[in-house]
Amino acid sequence: MAIVLLTACDKGSDGVRRTDTPDPPGSGEGPVGRPDPEQGWDFTAETADGCLRFEGSEMRLRIDRGGVLFKTLPDGHGAVIDLDSGRRVEYFIGEAGSDSVCRQSWVSIDGQKLEGATIRMKKQTAGTVWCHVDVARPQKGYMLVGLR
């Protein structure tokens, strides 16, 4: 008489698995390439999404993704820090004029100020501001939803 021992292993779904999930609504390529009749961009999706973030075609830092921090520094400017990559965006949003341009404002990416950037406020609540950061050369656009 022969005894046959058969074993099998099936990976169940109770283990931790990393999956790439689709980006939440309003987190696409940012404002890049979506014309608006007045300012050159359509911000309907971006202003509907209150997630703190800085994003453009080559960078997405969102507070709803692990390892991304937003903070207000002692001198009043804000910082977005990605703990995994070490990337850092710092910004200061001044008061918006009647043309929505925020005077005395600046943004830097990894320590390099975006020279010639125009920062336009798109929406503001008590503690949050939505801004379009437009850099003419090279043609780039960023969306900043940050702490005010």
N, C-alpha and C. Protein backbone atom coordinates (compact mmCIF):
# COMPACT_ATOMS: atom_id res chain seq x y z
N MET A 1 0.83 -1.16 0.00
CA MET A 1 0.00 0.00 0.00
C MET A 1 0.89 1.23 0.00
N ALA A 2 0.62 2.15 -0.90
CA ALA A 2 1.39 3.39 -1.02
C ALA A 2 0.59 4.54 -0.45
N ILE A 3 1.27 5.38 0.28
CA ILE A 3 0.62 6.58 0.83
C ILE A 3 1.10 7.78 0.01
N VAL A 4 0.17 8.52 -0.47
CA VAL A 4 0.49 9.72 -1.24
C VAL A 4 0.09 10.92 -0.40
N LEU A 5 1.03 11.79 -0.22
CA LEU A 5 0.76 13.02 0.52
C LEU A 5 0.75 14.17 -0.48
N LEU A 6 -0.32 14.84 -0.54
CA LEU A 6 -0.48 15.95 -1.47
C LEU A 6 -0.64 17.22 -0.66
N THR A 7 0.18 18.19 -0.93
CA THR A 7 0.06 19.48 -0.25
C THR A 7 -0.15 20.56 -1.30
N ALA A 8 -0.81 21.58 -0.91
CA ALA A 8 -1.06 22.70 -1.82
C ALA A 8 -1.00 23.99 -1.01
N CYS A 9 -0.67 25.02 -1.69
CA CYS A 9 -0.59 26.33 -1.05
C CYS A 9 -1.30 27.32 -1.94
N ASP A 10 -2.16 28.06 -1.37
CA ASP A 10 -2.87 29.09 -2.12
C ASP A 10 -2.71 30.39 -1.36
N LYS A 11 -2.26 31.41 -2.06
CA LYS A 11 -2.09 32.71 -1.39
C LYS A 11 -3.46 33.34 -1.22
N GLY A 12 -3.85 33.55 0.00
CA GLY A 12 -5.14 34.15 0.28
C GLY A 12 -5.09 35.67 0.18
N SER A 13 -6.19 36.29 0.38
CA SER A 13 -6.26 37.74 0.25
C SER A 13 -6.12 38.44 1.59
N ASP A 14 -5.73 37.71 2.64
CA ASP A 14 -5.63 38.34 3.94
C ASP A 14 -4.26 38.95 4.21
N GLY A 15 -3.34 38.86 3.25
CA GLY A 15 -2.03 39.50 3.41
C GLY A 15 -2.08 40.94 2.91
N VAL A 16 -1.08 41.71 3.29
CA VAL A 16 -0.99 43.09 2.83
C VAL A 16 -0.44 43.12 1.42
N ARG A 17 -1.15 43.78 0.54
CA ARG A 17 -0.71 43.89 -0.85
C ARG A 17 -0.72 45.34 -1.26
N ARG A 18 0.31 45.76 -1.93
CA ARG A 18 0.35 47.12 -2.46
C ARG A 18 -0.30 47.10 -3.84
N THR A 19 -1.23 47.98 -4.02
CA THR A 19 -1.87 48.10 -5.34
C THR A 19 -1.84 49.56 -5.75
N ASP A 20 -1.70 49.78 -7.01
CA ASP A 20 -1.78 51.14 -7.52
C ASP A 20 -3.23 51.43 -7.81
N THR A 21 -3.76 52.41 -7.10
CA THR A 21 -5.15 52.76 -7.28
C THR A 21 -5.25 54.01 -8.14
N PRO A 22 -6.36 54.19 -8.82
CA PRO A 22 -6.51 55.40 -9.62
C PRO A 22 -6.46 56.64 -8.73
N ASP A 23 -6.01 57.75 -9.30
CA ASP A 23 -5.97 59.00 -8.56
C ASP A 23 -7.38 59.45 -8.23
N PRO A 24 -7.56 60.07 -7.08
CA PRO A 24 -8.87 60.58 -6.71
C PRO A 24 -9.31 61.68 -7.70
N PRO A 25 -10.60 61.97 -7.76
CA PRO A 25 -11.07 63.02 -8.66
C PRO A 25 -10.35 64.33 -8.40
N GLY A 26 -10.03 65.05 -9.48
CA GLY A 26 -9.36 66.34 -9.37
C GLY A 26 -7.87 66.24 -9.23
N SER A 27 -7.29 65.03 -9.32
CA SER A 27 -5.86 64.90 -9.12
C SER A 27 -5.13 64.56 -10.41
N GLY A 28 -5.74 64.74 -11.53
CA GLY A 28 -5.14 64.41 -12.82
C GLY A 28 -3.83 65.13 -13.05
N GLU A 29 -3.63 65.65 -14.20
CA GLU A 29 -2.40 66.34 -14.52
C GLU A 29 -2.40 67.76 -13.99
N GLY A 30 -3.26 68.07 -13.07
CA GLY A 30 -3.34 69.43 -12.57
C GLY A 30 -3.94 70.32 -13.64
N PRO A 31 -3.69 71.59 -13.59
CA PRO A 31 -4.33 72.51 -14.51
C PRO A 31 -3.68 72.55 -15.89
N VAL A 32 -2.66 71.76 -16.10
CA VAL A 32 -1.91 71.84 -17.35
C VAL A 32 -2.78 71.47 -18.53
N GLY A 33 -2.87 72.35 -19.50
CA GLY A 33 -3.50 72.05 -20.77
C GLY A 33 -5.02 72.10 -20.81
N ARG A 34 -5.68 72.70 -19.84
CA ARG A 34 -7.14 72.78 -19.88
C ARG A 34 -7.54 74.24 -19.97
N PRO A 35 -7.88 74.71 -21.16
CA PRO A 35 -8.16 76.14 -21.35
C PRO A 35 -9.38 76.63 -20.57
N ASP A 36 -9.30 77.86 -20.12
CA ASP A 36 -10.37 78.56 -19.46
C ASP A 36 -10.59 79.86 -20.22
N PRO A 37 -11.81 80.27 -20.48
CA PRO A 37 -12.04 81.47 -21.29
C PRO A 37 -11.38 82.73 -20.72
N GLU A 38 -11.34 82.86 -19.38
CA GLU A 38 -10.82 84.09 -18.79
C GLU A 38 -9.33 84.04 -18.48
N GLN A 39 -8.87 83.01 -17.81
CA GLN A 39 -7.48 82.96 -17.35
C GLN A 39 -6.63 81.93 -18.09
N GLY A 40 -7.19 81.18 -19.00
CA GLY A 40 -6.42 80.18 -19.72
C GLY A 40 -6.50 78.79 -19.13
N TRP A 41 -7.24 78.59 -18.03
CA TRP A 41 -7.32 77.28 -17.40
C TRP A 41 -8.72 77.08 -16.84
N ASP A 42 -9.16 75.84 -16.75
CA ASP A 42 -10.44 75.50 -16.14
C ASP A 42 -10.14 74.83 -14.80
N PHE A 43 -10.62 75.40 -13.72
CA PHE A 43 -10.31 74.90 -12.38
C PHE A 43 -11.51 74.29 -11.68
N THR A 44 -12.53 73.91 -12.42
CA THR A 44 -13.73 73.35 -11.80
C THR A 44 -13.40 72.12 -10.96
N ALA A 45 -12.68 71.17 -11.52
CA ALA A 45 -12.36 69.94 -10.78
C ALA A 45 -11.43 70.22 -9.61
N GLU A 46 -10.45 71.09 -9.82
CA GLU A 46 -9.47 71.36 -8.76
C GLU A 46 -10.09 72.04 -7.56
N THR A 47 -10.98 73.02 -7.79
CA THR A 47 -11.56 73.73 -6.64
C THR A 47 -12.62 72.90 -5.93
N ALA A 48 -13.12 71.86 -6.56
CA ALA A 48 -14.08 70.97 -5.91
C ALA A 48 -13.39 69.99 -4.96
N ASP A 49 -12.10 69.78 -5.15
CA ASP A 49 -11.32 68.84 -4.34
C ASP A 49 -10.52 69.63 -3.31
N GLY A 50 -10.83 69.46 -2.05
CA GLY A 50 -10.17 70.22 -0.99
C GLY A 50 -8.91 69.57 -0.45
N CYS A 51 -8.41 68.53 -1.09
CA CYS A 51 -7.21 67.85 -0.62
C CYS A 51 -6.00 68.78 -0.76
N LEU A 52 -5.25 68.96 0.33
CA LEU A 52 -4.03 69.76 0.27
C LEU A 52 -3.06 69.09 -0.68
N ARG A 53 -2.49 69.88 -1.61
CA ARG A 53 -1.60 69.28 -2.60
C ARG A 53 -0.81 70.34 -3.35
N PHE A 54 0.26 69.86 -3.99
CA PHE A 54 1.02 70.64 -4.96
C PHE A 54 1.25 69.67 -6.10
N GLU A 55 0.76 70.00 -7.29
CA GLU A 55 0.90 69.06 -8.38
C GLU A 55 1.03 69.77 -9.71
N GLY A 56 1.70 69.09 -10.60
CA GLY A 56 1.89 69.52 -11.97
C GLY A 56 2.24 68.29 -12.78
N SER A 57 2.73 68.52 -13.99
CA SER A 57 2.97 67.37 -14.87
C SER A 57 4.10 66.47 -14.38
N GLU A 58 5.09 67.02 -13.64
CA GLU A 58 6.20 66.17 -13.20
C GLU A 58 6.23 65.91 -11.70
N MET A 59 5.25 66.41 -10.96
CA MET A 59 5.28 66.22 -9.51
C MET A 59 3.87 66.22 -8.95
N ARG A 60 3.61 65.28 -8.04
CA ARG A 60 2.36 65.24 -7.30
C ARG A 60 2.65 64.97 -5.85
N LEU A 61 2.41 65.94 -5.02
CA LEU A 61 2.54 65.76 -3.58
C LEU A 61 1.16 66.04 -2.99
N ARG A 62 0.53 65.00 -2.47
CA ARG A 62 -0.82 65.11 -1.93
C ARG A 62 -0.82 64.62 -0.49
N ILE A 63 -1.52 65.33 0.37
CA ILE A 63 -1.56 64.95 1.78
C ILE A 63 -2.28 63.62 2.00
N ASP A 64 -3.13 63.21 1.05
CA ASP A 64 -3.82 61.94 1.22
C ASP A 64 -2.98 60.74 0.78
N ARG A 65 -1.74 60.98 0.42
CA ARG A 65 -0.80 59.90 0.11
C ARG A 65 0.18 59.82 1.27
N GLY A 66 0.48 58.65 1.73
CA GLY A 66 1.36 58.48 2.88
C GLY A 66 2.71 59.15 2.70
N GLY A 67 3.20 59.76 3.75
CA GLY A 67 4.53 60.33 3.74
C GLY A 67 4.62 61.75 3.24
N VAL A 68 3.50 62.41 2.99
CA VAL A 68 3.53 63.81 2.53
C VAL A 68 2.96 64.68 3.66
N LEU A 69 3.74 65.66 4.06
CA LEU A 69 3.36 66.55 5.15
C LEU A 69 3.17 67.98 4.64
N PHE A 70 2.21 68.68 5.19
CA PHE A 70 2.02 70.11 4.98
C PHE A 70 2.23 70.78 6.32
N LYS A 71 2.96 71.88 6.34
CA LYS A 71 3.12 72.58 7.59
C LYS A 71 3.32 74.07 7.35
N THR A 72 2.98 74.86 8.34
CA THR A 72 3.22 76.29 8.30
C THR A 72 4.44 76.55 9.16
N LEU A 73 5.43 77.21 8.59
CA LEU A 73 6.68 77.49 9.29
C LEU A 73 6.54 78.76 10.13
N PRO A 74 7.44 78.97 11.11
CA PRO A 74 7.31 80.11 12.02
C PRO A 74 7.22 81.47 11.33
N ASP A 75 7.85 81.64 10.18
CA ASP A 75 7.80 82.95 9.52
C ASP A 75 6.54 83.12 8.66
N GLY A 76 5.65 82.12 8.66
CA GLY A 76 4.37 82.25 7.98
C GLY A 76 4.28 81.60 6.61
N HIS A 77 5.40 81.14 6.05
CA HIS A 77 5.26 80.47 4.75
C HIS A 77 5.01 78.99 4.95
N GLY A 78 4.51 78.34 3.91
CA GLY A 78 4.14 76.94 4.00
C GLY A 78 5.18 76.04 3.38
N ALA A 79 5.13 74.77 3.76
CA ALA A 79 6.04 73.78 3.19
C ALA A 79 5.27 72.48 2.95
N VAL A 80 5.58 71.84 1.84
CA VAL A 80 5.06 70.52 1.50
C VAL A 80 6.28 69.62 1.42
N ILE A 81 6.31 68.56 2.20
CA ILE A 81 7.49 67.72 2.30
C ILE A 81 7.11 66.28 2.02
N ASP A 82 7.81 65.66 1.07
CA ASP A 82 7.63 64.24 0.79
C ASP A 82 8.73 63.49 1.51
N LEU A 83 8.37 62.77 2.55
CA LEU A 83 9.36 62.07 3.37
C LEU A 83 10.06 60.95 2.62
N ASP A 84 9.40 60.35 1.65
CA ASP A 84 10.00 59.24 0.90
C ASP A 84 11.05 59.72 -0.08
N SER A 85 10.72 60.72 -0.89
CA SER A 85 11.65 61.16 -1.94
C SER A 85 12.56 62.30 -1.48
N GLY A 86 12.19 62.98 -0.41
CA GLY A 86 12.97 64.13 0.04
C GLY A 86 12.63 65.41 -0.71
N ARG A 87 11.68 65.36 -1.62
CA ARG A 87 11.29 66.56 -2.36
C ARG A 87 10.57 67.51 -1.43
N ARG A 88 10.75 68.80 -1.71
CA ARG A 88 10.19 69.83 -0.82
C ARG A 88 9.74 71.01 -1.65
N VAL A 89 8.53 71.47 -1.37
CA VAL A 89 8.00 72.68 -2.00
C VAL A 89 7.72 73.66 -0.87
N GLU A 90 8.20 74.88 -1.02
CA GLU A 90 7.90 75.92 -0.05
C GLU A 90 7.19 77.04 -0.78
N TYR A 91 6.30 77.73 -0.08
CA TYR A 91 5.51 78.76 -0.73
C TYR A 91 5.08 79.83 0.26
N PHE A 92 4.81 81.01 -0.29
CA PHE A 92 4.18 82.09 0.46
C PHE A 92 3.14 82.69 -0.46
N ILE A 93 1.91 82.78 0.01
CA ILE A 93 0.82 83.33 -0.78
C ILE A 93 0.41 84.66 -0.15
N GLY A 94 0.69 85.75 -0.87
CA GLY A 94 0.30 87.08 -0.40
C GLY A 94 -1.16 87.36 -0.70
N GLU A 95 -1.57 88.59 -0.44
CA GLU A 95 -2.97 88.98 -0.69
C GLU A 95 -3.23 89.06 -2.19
N ALA A 96 -4.43 88.63 -2.57
CA ALA A 96 -4.81 88.65 -3.99
C ALA A 96 -5.40 90.02 -4.33
N GLY A 97 -5.00 90.53 -5.50
CA GLY A 97 -5.57 91.77 -6.00
C GLY A 97 -6.89 91.50 -6.72
N SER A 98 -7.48 92.55 -7.27
CA SER A 98 -8.76 92.40 -7.98
C SER A 98 -8.62 91.52 -9.22
N ASP A 99 -7.40 91.36 -9.72
CA ASP A 99 -7.15 90.50 -10.89
C ASP A 99 -6.82 89.06 -10.47
N SER A 100 -6.93 88.73 -9.21
CA SER A 100 -6.67 87.44 -8.58
C SER A 100 -5.18 87.11 -8.46
N VAL A 101 -4.29 87.99 -8.93
CA VAL A 101 -2.85 87.75 -8.79
C VAL A 101 -2.45 88.03 -7.34
N CYS A 102 -1.75 87.09 -6.74
CA CYS A 102 -1.30 87.21 -5.35
C CYS A 102 0.06 87.92 -5.34
N ARG A 103 0.08 89.13 -4.87
CA ARG A 103 1.30 89.94 -4.82
C ARG A 103 2.24 89.43 -3.73
N GLN A 104 3.51 89.64 -3.91
CA GLN A 104 4.54 89.25 -2.94
C GLN A 104 4.58 87.74 -2.69
N SER A 105 4.07 86.96 -3.61
CA SER A 105 4.02 85.50 -3.45
C SER A 105 5.20 84.84 -4.14
N TRP A 106 5.54 83.65 -3.67
CA TRP A 106 6.62 82.89 -4.30
C TRP A 106 6.43 81.41 -4.02
N VAL A 107 7.05 80.60 -4.87
CA VAL A 107 7.07 79.14 -4.72
C VAL A 107 8.47 78.66 -5.05
N SER A 108 9.00 77.73 -4.27
CA SER A 108 10.27 77.10 -4.60
C SER A 108 10.10 75.59 -4.57
N ILE A 109 10.80 74.93 -5.48
CA ILE A 109 10.78 73.47 -5.57
C ILE A 109 12.20 72.99 -5.30
N ASP A 110 12.37 72.19 -4.28
CA ASP A 110 13.68 71.66 -3.90
C ASP A 110 14.72 72.77 -3.79
N GLY A 111 14.32 73.90 -3.19
CA GLY A 111 15.23 75.00 -2.93
C GLY A 111 15.42 75.98 -4.09
N GLN A 112 14.81 75.73 -5.23
CA GLN A 112 14.94 76.62 -6.40
C GLN A 112 13.63 77.39 -6.59
N LYS A 113 13.71 78.73 -6.45
CA LYS A 113 12.51 79.54 -6.66
C LYS A 113 12.07 79.46 -8.10
N LEU A 114 10.76 79.42 -8.31
CA LEU A 114 10.21 79.46 -9.66
C LEU A 114 10.23 80.91 -10.11
N GLU A 115 11.27 81.28 -10.83
CA GLU A 115 11.43 82.66 -11.28
C GLU A 115 10.36 83.01 -12.31
N GLY A 116 9.81 84.19 -12.18
CA GLY A 116 8.81 84.66 -13.14
C GLY A 116 7.46 84.00 -13.00
N ALA A 117 7.22 83.31 -11.90
CA ALA A 117 5.94 82.63 -11.71
C ALA A 117 4.86 83.65 -11.35
N THR A 118 3.68 83.45 -11.89
CA THR A 118 2.50 84.22 -11.52
C THR A 118 1.60 83.31 -10.72
N ILE A 119 1.20 83.77 -9.55
CA ILE A 119 0.36 82.96 -8.67
C ILE A 119 -1.00 83.62 -8.58
N ARG A 120 -2.02 82.89 -9.04
CA ARG A 120 -3.39 83.41 -9.04
C ARG A 120 -4.26 82.59 -8.09
N MET A 121 -4.97 83.30 -7.23
CA MET A 121 -5.88 82.63 -6.32
C MET A 121 -7.14 82.23 -7.09
N LYS A 122 -7.56 80.99 -6.90
CA LYS A 122 -8.76 80.49 -7.55
C LYS A 122 -9.91 80.32 -6.57
N LYS A 123 -9.58 80.06 -5.30
CA LYS A 123 -10.60 79.88 -4.27
C LYS A 123 -9.92 80.02 -2.93
N GLN A 124 -10.68 80.46 -1.91
CA GLN A 124 -10.13 80.55 -0.57
C GLN A 124 -11.23 80.27 0.44
N THR A 125 -10.88 79.49 1.48
CA THR A 125 -11.76 79.29 2.62
C THR A 125 -10.99 79.80 3.84
N ALA A 126 -11.53 79.58 5.02
CA ALA A 126 -10.89 80.11 6.23
C ALA A 126 -9.44 79.68 6.38
N GLY A 127 -9.13 78.43 6.09
CA GLY A 127 -7.76 77.97 6.31
C GLY A 127 -7.05 77.43 5.09
N THR A 128 -7.70 77.44 3.93
CA THR A 128 -7.13 76.83 2.73
C THR A 128 -7.23 77.79 1.56
N VAL A 129 -6.22 77.72 0.70
CA VAL A 129 -6.21 78.55 -0.50
C VAL A 129 -5.91 77.66 -1.71
N TRP A 130 -6.61 77.87 -2.80
CA TRP A 130 -6.38 77.16 -4.06
C TRP A 130 -5.71 78.15 -4.99
N CYS A 131 -4.54 77.83 -5.50
CA CYS A 131 -3.81 78.74 -6.38
C CYS A 131 -3.31 78.02 -7.63
N HIS A 132 -3.30 78.76 -8.72
CA HIS A 132 -2.67 78.29 -9.95
C HIS A 132 -1.32 78.99 -10.01
N VAL A 133 -0.27 78.22 -10.14
CA VAL A 133 1.08 78.76 -10.26
C VAL A 133 1.48 78.59 -11.72
N ASP A 134 1.62 79.70 -12.42
CA ASP A 134 1.90 79.68 -13.85
C ASP A 134 3.34 80.12 -14.09
N VAL A 135 4.09 79.29 -14.76
CA VAL A 135 5.47 79.60 -15.09
C VAL A 135 5.56 79.66 -16.61
N ALA A 136 5.86 80.84 -17.14
CA ALA A 136 5.83 81.04 -18.59
C ALA A 136 6.91 80.26 -19.32
N ARG A 137 8.14 80.24 -18.81
CA ARG A 137 9.23 79.55 -19.49
C ARG A 137 9.96 78.67 -18.52
N PRO A 138 10.04 77.40 -18.73
CA PRO A 138 9.29 76.65 -19.73
C PRO A 138 7.82 76.65 -19.36
N GLN A 139 6.95 76.46 -20.34
CA GLN A 139 5.51 76.51 -20.11
C GLN A 139 5.10 75.40 -19.16
N LYS A 140 4.78 75.76 -17.93
CA LYS A 140 4.36 74.79 -16.93
C LYS A 140 3.27 75.42 -16.09
N GLY A 141 2.44 74.57 -15.53
CA GLY A 141 1.43 75.03 -14.61
C GLY A 141 1.38 74.09 -13.42
N TYR A 142 1.14 74.64 -12.26
CA TYR A 142 1.03 73.85 -11.04
C TYR A 142 -0.25 74.24 -10.32
N MET A 143 -0.77 73.34 -9.55
CA MET A 143 -1.90 73.63 -8.71
C MET A 143 -1.44 73.48 -7.27
N LEU A 144 -1.67 74.50 -6.47
CA LEU A 144 -1.31 74.47 -5.06
C LEU A 144 -2.59 74.64 -4.26
N VAL A 145 -2.90 73.67 -3.44
CA VAL A 145 -3.98 73.80 -2.47
C VAL A 145 -3.28 73.68 -1.13
N GLY A 146 -3.11 74.82 -0.47
CA GLY A 146 -2.29 74.82 0.72
C GLY A 146 -2.94 75.52 1.90
N LEU A 147 -2.23 75.51 2.99
CA LEU A 147 -2.68 76.16 4.20
C LEU A 147 -2.51 77.65 4.07
N ARG A 148 -3.43 78.39 4.61
CA ARG A 148 -3.38 79.86 4.56
C ARG A 148 -3.06 80.38 5.92
